[in-house]
Amino acid sequence: MMYWDDHGMNGWGAGLMVFTTLLFLGLLVAAAVVLFRYAGRSTQQQRPERRPPDERSGPEEVLAERLARGKIDPEEYRLRLAALREAPGPGRGGAGWTP
């Protein structure tokens, strides 16, 4: 004799099966999102970070970069460069020192 009662699967059993399937799929999607975010963050950390100009170069290079970006005009660049080269500073030997 054959039993066609789905082995005791009633409304609660079918609902539990749907719930666990949706929960499993949700966990898979969440794991994929976390994995993609982690992979994206690790590739961003491998790229060298840009530092502000004053931390990576001297004042003359910063001045040249400002001219290249169009923040100052060539006349102002020449005036400021001359002022930088004339001003006494660390390692220049003080006032009256000529290279």
Protein backbone atom coordinates (compact mmCIF):
# COMPACT_ATOMS: atom_id res chain seq x y z
CA MET A 1 0.00 0.00 0.00
CA MET A 2 1.40 3.45 -0.93
CA TYR A 3 1.22 6.45 1.31
CA TRP A 4 0.65 9.80 -0.37
CA ASP A 5 0.76 12.01 2.66
CA ASP A 6 4.17 13.57 1.82
CA HIS A 7 5.75 11.88 4.84
CA GLY A 8 4.10 14.18 7.33
CA MET A 9 4.82 17.43 5.44
CA ASN A 10 1.97 19.70 6.41
CA GLY A 11 1.63 23.50 6.14
CA TRP A 12 4.19 24.15 8.88
CA GLY A 13 6.78 21.90 7.28
CA ALA A 14 6.45 23.60 3.90
CA GLY A 15 6.63 27.05 5.51
CA LEU A 16 9.73 26.07 7.47
CA MET A 17 11.35 24.76 4.29
CA VAL A 18 10.66 28.04 2.44
CA PHE A 19 11.95 30.09 5.41
CA THR A 20 15.20 28.12 5.69
CA THR A 21 15.76 28.33 1.94
CA LEU A 22 15.30 32.10 1.97
CA LEU A 23 17.55 32.39 5.02
CA PHE A 24 20.26 30.36 3.27
CA LEU A 25 20.04 32.48 0.12
CA GLY A 26 20.19 35.66 2.20
CA LEU A 27 23.33 34.42 3.95
CA LEU A 28 24.91 33.67 0.56
CA VAL A 29 24.15 37.18 -0.70
CA ALA A 30 25.49 38.76 2.51
CA ALA A 31 28.68 36.69 2.27
CA ALA A 32 29.15 37.80 -1.36
CA VAL A 33 28.69 41.47 -0.43
CA VAL A 34 31.22 41.19 2.42
CA LEU A 35 33.69 39.42 0.13
CA PHE A 36 33.42 42.05 -2.61
CA ARG A 37 33.82 44.89 -0.12
CA TYR A 38 36.87 43.24 1.42
CA ALA A 39 38.41 42.64 -2.00
CA GLY A 40 37.76 46.26 -3.01
CA ARG A 41 39.27 47.62 0.18
CA SER A 42 42.44 45.52 -0.10
CA THR A 43 43.07 46.73 -3.68
CA GLN A 44 42.65 50.35 -2.55
CA GLN A 45 45.17 49.84 0.23
CA GLN A 46 47.76 48.55 -2.24
CA ARG A 47 47.72 51.81 -4.22
CA PRO A 48 50.15 54.44 -2.97
CA GLU A 49 48.40 57.25 -1.18
CA ARG A 50 48.89 60.80 -2.35
CA ARG A 51 50.39 62.97 0.30
CA PRO A 52 50.05 66.73 0.44
CA PRO A 53 52.75 68.50 -1.57
CA ASP A 54 54.43 70.04 1.49
CA GLU A 55 55.11 66.59 2.97
CA ARG A 56 56.76 65.07 -0.08
CA SER A 57 58.83 67.89 -1.53
CA GLY A 58 60.58 71.15 -0.90
CA PRO A 59 59.06 74.61 -1.17
CA GLU A 60 60.37 75.22 -4.70
CA GLU A 61 58.67 72.08 -5.98
CA VAL A 62 55.44 73.06 -4.26
CA LEU A 63 55.65 76.45 -5.93
CA ALA A 64 56.24 74.81 -9.32
CA GLU A 65 53.20 72.56 -8.79
CA ARG A 66 51.03 75.58 -7.97
CA LEU A 67 52.17 77.22 -11.21
CA ALA A 68 51.44 74.03 -13.17
CA ARG A 69 47.93 73.83 -11.70
CA GLY A 70 47.23 77.45 -12.61
CA LYS A 71 46.87 78.66 -9.04
CA ILE A 72 49.53 81.33 -9.56
CA ASP A 73 50.70 83.15 -12.69
CA PRO A 74 54.30 83.06 -13.99
CA GLU A 75 55.12 86.51 -12.65
CA GLU A 76 54.04 85.57 -9.14
CA TYR A 77 55.99 82.32 -9.50
CA ARG A 78 59.19 84.20 -10.36
CA LEU A 79 58.72 86.64 -7.47
CA ARG A 80 58.07 83.91 -4.93
CA LEU A 81 60.91 81.75 -6.24
CA ALA A 82 63.32 84.68 -5.92
CA ALA A 83 62.06 85.33 -2.39
CA LEU A 84 62.56 81.67 -1.48
CA ARG A 85 66.08 81.61 -2.82
CA GLU A 86 67.06 84.86 -1.08
CA ALA A 87 65.53 84.06 2.31
CA PRO A 88 67.81 82.51 4.91
CA GLY A 89 66.59 79.18 6.07
CA PRO A 90 67.69 75.89 7.59
CA GLY A 91 70.82 74.63 5.90
CA ARG A 92 71.50 77.90 4.05
CA GLY A 93 74.04 79.24 6.50
CA GLY A 94 72.00 82.22 7.72
CA ALA A 95 71.92 85.84 6.52
CA GLY A 96 74.53 86.93 4.03
CA TRP A 97 75.33 83.42 2.86
CA THR A 98 75.70 82.97 -0.89
CA PRO A 99 75.90 79.61 -2.59
